[in-house]
Amino acid sequence: MDALTTELIERWSRMFASLAGGSDVPPALRLRAEGMMEAMVLLNMTTANDLTATMDEHYQSAFGRSFAEDFGEDWQDFYPFPQIPAMGVRAPVHPSVPRHS
């Protein structure tokens, strides 16, 4: 495995482990990984489909579910390559003052 692929897999693993643990991922980390993915395809090192399948394997390792299970079968319509669906769970929002009727 080449150094770029190794680094990309490490970044996916860190991102997905962080999200699975309830933490967030800095957008810059996700964006840099997406840039690496795009560069690998442009350099003909791999295909978008192969990268997506490998990324999904690492997502499943962290979450126990696939992208399709969490985001729907059409998840790539919302997150086209090279986007990584790596967003933290939205925090619950509660009013800080009681509402008056």
Protein backbone atom coordinates (compact mmCIF):
# COMPACT_ATOMS: atom_id res chain seq x y z
CA MET A 1 0.00 0.00 0.00
CA ASP A 2 1.37 3.44 -0.87
CA ALA A 3 1.86 6.25 1.63
CA LEU A 4 -1.10 8.29 0.34
CA THR A 5 -3.54 5.41 0.70
CA THR A 6 -2.20 4.61 4.17
CA GLU A 7 -2.61 8.23 5.27
CA LEU A 8 -6.13 8.46 3.84
CA ILE A 9 -7.21 5.28 5.63
CA GLU A 10 -5.76 6.64 8.88
CA ARG A 11 -7.71 9.87 8.45
CA TRP A 12 -10.96 8.00 7.78
CA SER A 13 -10.35 5.84 10.83
CA ARG A 14 -9.75 8.88 13.07
CA MET A 15 -12.80 10.71 11.73
CA PHE A 16 -15.18 7.81 12.04
CA ALA A 17 -13.89 6.77 15.48
CA SER A 18 -14.34 10.33 16.71
CA LEU A 19 -17.89 10.53 15.36
CA ALA A 20 -18.81 7.08 16.68
CA GLY A 21 -17.57 8.20 20.09
CA GLY A 22 -19.92 11.19 20.05
CA SER A 23 -17.34 13.85 19.20
CA ASP A 24 -17.27 16.10 16.18
CA VAL A 25 -14.74 16.28 13.35
CA PRO A 26 -13.14 19.57 12.33
CA PRO A 27 -14.31 20.48 8.81
CA ALA A 28 -10.69 21.01 7.72
CA LEU A 29 -9.85 17.36 8.47
CA ARG A 30 -12.77 16.16 6.36
CA LEU A 31 -12.01 18.60 3.55
CA ARG A 32 -8.34 17.62 3.37
CA ALA A 33 -9.28 13.93 3.22
CA GLU A 34 -11.74 14.69 0.42
CA GLY A 35 -8.98 16.49 -1.47
CA MET A 36 -6.73 13.46 -1.09
CA MET A 37 -9.49 11.23 -2.45
CA GLU A 38 -10.00 13.46 -5.47
CA ALA A 39 -6.25 13.65 -6.13
CA MET A 40 -5.91 9.87 -6.03
CA VAL A 41 -8.61 9.51 -8.69
CA LEU A 42 -7.14 12.30 -10.85
CA LEU A 43 -3.74 10.58 -10.69
CA ASN A 44 -5.36 7.28 -11.72
CA MET A 45 -4.21 5.61 -8.51
CA THR A 46 -7.70 4.20 -7.91
CA THR A 47 -11.33 4.76 -8.86
CA ALA A 48 -14.01 6.72 -7.07
CA ASN A 49 -16.01 3.51 -6.62
CA ASP A 50 -13.08 1.65 -5.06
CA LEU A 51 -12.33 4.52 -2.68
CA THR A 52 -15.98 4.81 -1.69
CA ALA A 53 -16.20 1.08 -0.99
CA THR A 54 -13.03 1.17 1.12
CA MET A 55 -14.24 4.24 3.01
CA ASP A 56 -17.56 2.48 3.69
CA GLU A 57 -15.65 -0.49 5.15
CA HIS A 58 -13.92 1.84 7.62
CA TYR A 59 -17.21 3.53 8.44
CA GLN A 60 -18.72 0.12 9.17
CA SER A 61 -15.77 -0.75 11.42
CA ALA A 62 -16.48 2.32 13.54
CA PHE A 63 -20.29 2.33 13.52
CA GLY A 64 -21.29 -1.26 12.79
CA ARG A 65 -23.47 0.03 9.95
CA SER A 66 -22.88 1.07 6.35
CA PHE A 67 -23.37 4.49 4.82
CA ALA A 68 -26.50 3.15 3.10
CA GLU A 69 -27.93 1.98 6.41
CA ASP A 70 -27.35 5.36 8.06
CA PHE A 71 -27.99 7.73 5.17
CA GLY A 72 -30.20 5.70 2.79
CA GLU A 73 -29.45 3.82 -0.40
CA ASP A 74 -29.25 7.12 -2.29
CA TRP A 75 -26.71 8.65 0.12
CA GLN A 76 -24.35 9.51 -2.76
CA ASP A 77 -27.02 11.76 -4.27
CA PHE A 78 -26.55 13.97 -1.19
CA TYR A 79 -22.81 13.33 -0.76
CA PRO A 80 -21.36 12.91 -4.26
CA PHE A 81 -17.74 11.82 -4.56
CA PRO A 82 -15.44 12.94 -3.00
CA GLN A 83 -17.67 14.13 -0.15
CA ILE A 84 -17.40 12.23 3.11
CA PRO A 85 -20.61 12.05 5.16
CA ALA A 86 -18.80 12.81 8.41
CA MET A 87 -20.96 15.07 10.51
CA GLY A 88 -21.48 14.95 14.25
CA VAL A 89 -24.86 14.33 15.78
CA ARG A 90 -26.73 17.54 16.19
CA ALA A 91 -26.92 18.69 19.79
CA PRO A 92 -30.41 18.84 21.30
CA VAL A 93 -31.66 22.38 21.59
CA HIS A 94 -33.89 23.39 24.46
CA PRO A 95 -35.26 26.86 25.24
CA SER A 96 -33.31 28.54 28.00
CA VAL A 97 -36.36 30.32 29.35
CA PRO A 98 -39.84 28.90 29.80
CA ARG A 99 -42.36 29.77 27.14
CA HIS A 100 -45.38 31.77 28.17
CA SER A 101 -48.80 30.95 26.85
